[in-house]
Amino acid sequence: MHASERQTRIRRVVLAAIMGATLGFATHARAQDDDSGDSRKITCADGQTVMVESKTCPPTGRRGAVVVQRACCTRFTKKNPASEGGKTRCKSFPQCPRNSPS
């Protein structure tokens, strides 16, 4: 085996290892994002009142009806005391899934 063939073979092995590691890390990071994404939509910061709203996504050919939720957070301050209702901000609803969530 010539030196150039050996170098080419080593480069291919190293490239395959790098690509495999990259795909492994990307899959792991994607799984973490999916798990924590829904819980951030229905929680608020400390000291705020939480009201959860629900929306039903219509059924499609690939999945049945799905319910998604979001949080509406109410913050009370000296300028906006509880007697005035405070300041309420609602987070956006998560997107309806294309396929069945199971």
Protein backbone atom coordinates (compact mmCIF):
# COMPACT_ATOMS: atom_id res chain seq x y z
CA MET A 1 0.00 0.00 0.00
CA HIS A 2 1.39 3.39 -0.96
CA ALA A 3 1.62 6.32 1.42
CA SER A 4 -0.94 8.35 -0.55
CA GLU A 5 -3.50 5.50 -0.36
CA ARG A 6 -2.90 5.21 3.36
CA GLN A 7 -3.40 8.96 3.85
CA THR A 8 -6.61 8.91 1.80
CA ARG A 9 -7.95 5.98 3.83
CA ILE A 10 -7.07 7.70 7.13
CA ARG A 11 -8.74 10.92 6.00
CA ARG A 12 -11.91 9.05 5.11
CA VAL A 13 -12.01 7.30 8.49
CA VAL A 14 -11.46 10.59 10.34
CA LEU A 15 -14.11 12.33 8.26
CA ALA A 16 -16.60 9.51 8.93
CA ALA A 17 -15.88 9.70 12.67
CA ILE A 18 -16.39 13.47 12.72
CA MET A 19 -19.65 13.20 10.79
CA GLY A 20 -20.92 10.45 13.09
CA ALA A 21 -20.08 12.45 16.20
CA THR A 22 -21.74 15.56 14.77
CA LEU A 23 -24.94 13.67 14.00
CA GLY A 24 -24.93 12.10 17.46
CA PHE A 25 -24.57 15.47 19.19
CA ALA A 26 -27.20 17.08 16.96
CA THR A 27 -29.71 14.32 17.71
CA HIS A 28 -29.05 14.61 21.45
CA ALA A 29 -29.39 18.42 21.40
CA ARG A 30 -32.62 18.21 19.37
CA ALA A 31 -34.13 15.77 21.87
CA GLN A 32 -33.31 18.14 24.74
CA ASP A 33 -34.88 21.10 22.91
CA ASP A 34 -38.09 19.16 22.27
CA ASP A 35 -38.43 18.09 25.90
CA SER A 36 -37.94 21.54 27.40
CA GLY A 37 -39.80 23.53 24.73
CA ASP A 38 -43.31 22.66 25.90
CA SER A 39 -42.66 23.29 29.59
CA ARG A 40 -41.31 26.81 28.90
CA LYS A 41 -44.58 27.69 27.17
CA ILE A 42 -46.67 26.90 30.27
CA THR A 43 -44.49 28.35 33.06
CA CYS A 44 -43.84 31.87 34.31
CA ALA A 45 -41.09 33.55 36.32
CA ASP A 46 -41.18 33.48 40.11
CA GLY A 47 -43.63 35.89 41.71
CA GLN A 48 -46.05 35.87 38.76
CA THR A 49 -49.53 34.39 38.57
CA VAL A 50 -49.96 31.72 35.89
CA MET A 51 -53.11 31.10 33.86
CA VAL A 52 -52.86 28.30 31.28
CA GLU A 53 -54.84 28.62 28.03
CA SER A 54 -55.52 25.69 25.71
CA LYS A 55 -56.12 25.48 21.97
CA THR A 56 -57.22 22.43 20.01
CA CYS A 57 -55.38 21.76 16.77
CA PRO A 58 -57.74 20.27 14.18
CA PRO A 59 -57.20 16.65 13.13
CA THR A 60 -55.29 15.90 9.94
CA GLY A 61 -54.79 12.75 7.89
CA ARG A 62 -51.67 11.86 9.89
CA ARG A 63 -52.91 12.55 13.42
CA GLY A 64 -55.99 13.18 15.50
CA ALA A 65 -56.88 16.41 17.27
CA VAL A 66 -54.15 17.68 19.62
CA VAL A 67 -54.42 20.19 22.47
CA VAL A 68 -51.56 22.68 22.88
CA GLN A 69 -51.16 25.03 25.86
CA ARG A 70 -49.60 28.41 26.65
CA ALA A 71 -49.18 30.46 29.81
CA CYS A 72 -50.51 33.92 30.48
CA CYS A 73 -48.36 35.49 33.20
CA THR A 74 -49.65 38.30 35.41
CA ARG A 75 -47.14 40.46 37.24
CA PHE A 76 -48.10 42.75 40.08
CA THR A 77 -45.91 45.79 40.85
CA LYS A 78 -46.31 49.03 42.77
CA LYS A 79 -47.47 50.73 39.57
CA ASN A 80 -49.82 47.84 38.73
CA PRO A 81 -51.13 46.49 42.05
CA ALA A 82 -53.48 43.51 42.38
CA SER A 83 -56.48 45.84 42.73
CA GLU A 84 -55.88 47.11 39.17
CA GLY A 85 -55.35 43.63 37.76
CA GLY A 86 -51.60 43.87 37.19
CA LYS A 87 -49.95 43.45 33.81
CA THR A 88 -50.70 40.27 31.84
CA ARG A 89 -48.64 38.88 28.95
CA CYS A 90 -49.45 35.69 27.11
CA LYS A 91 -46.80 33.52 25.50
CA SER A 92 -47.35 32.23 21.99
CA PHE A 93 -48.99 28.87 21.37
CA PRO A 94 -46.60 26.13 20.23
CA GLN A 95 -47.06 25.06 16.61
CA CYS A 96 -49.46 22.24 15.95
CA PRO A 97 -47.55 19.02 15.26
CA ARG A 98 -47.62 17.66 11.70
CA ASN A 99 -47.63 14.01 12.75
CA SER A 100 -48.95 12.15 15.75
CA PRO A 101 -47.02 13.22 18.90
CA SER A 102 -46.70 9.60 20.06
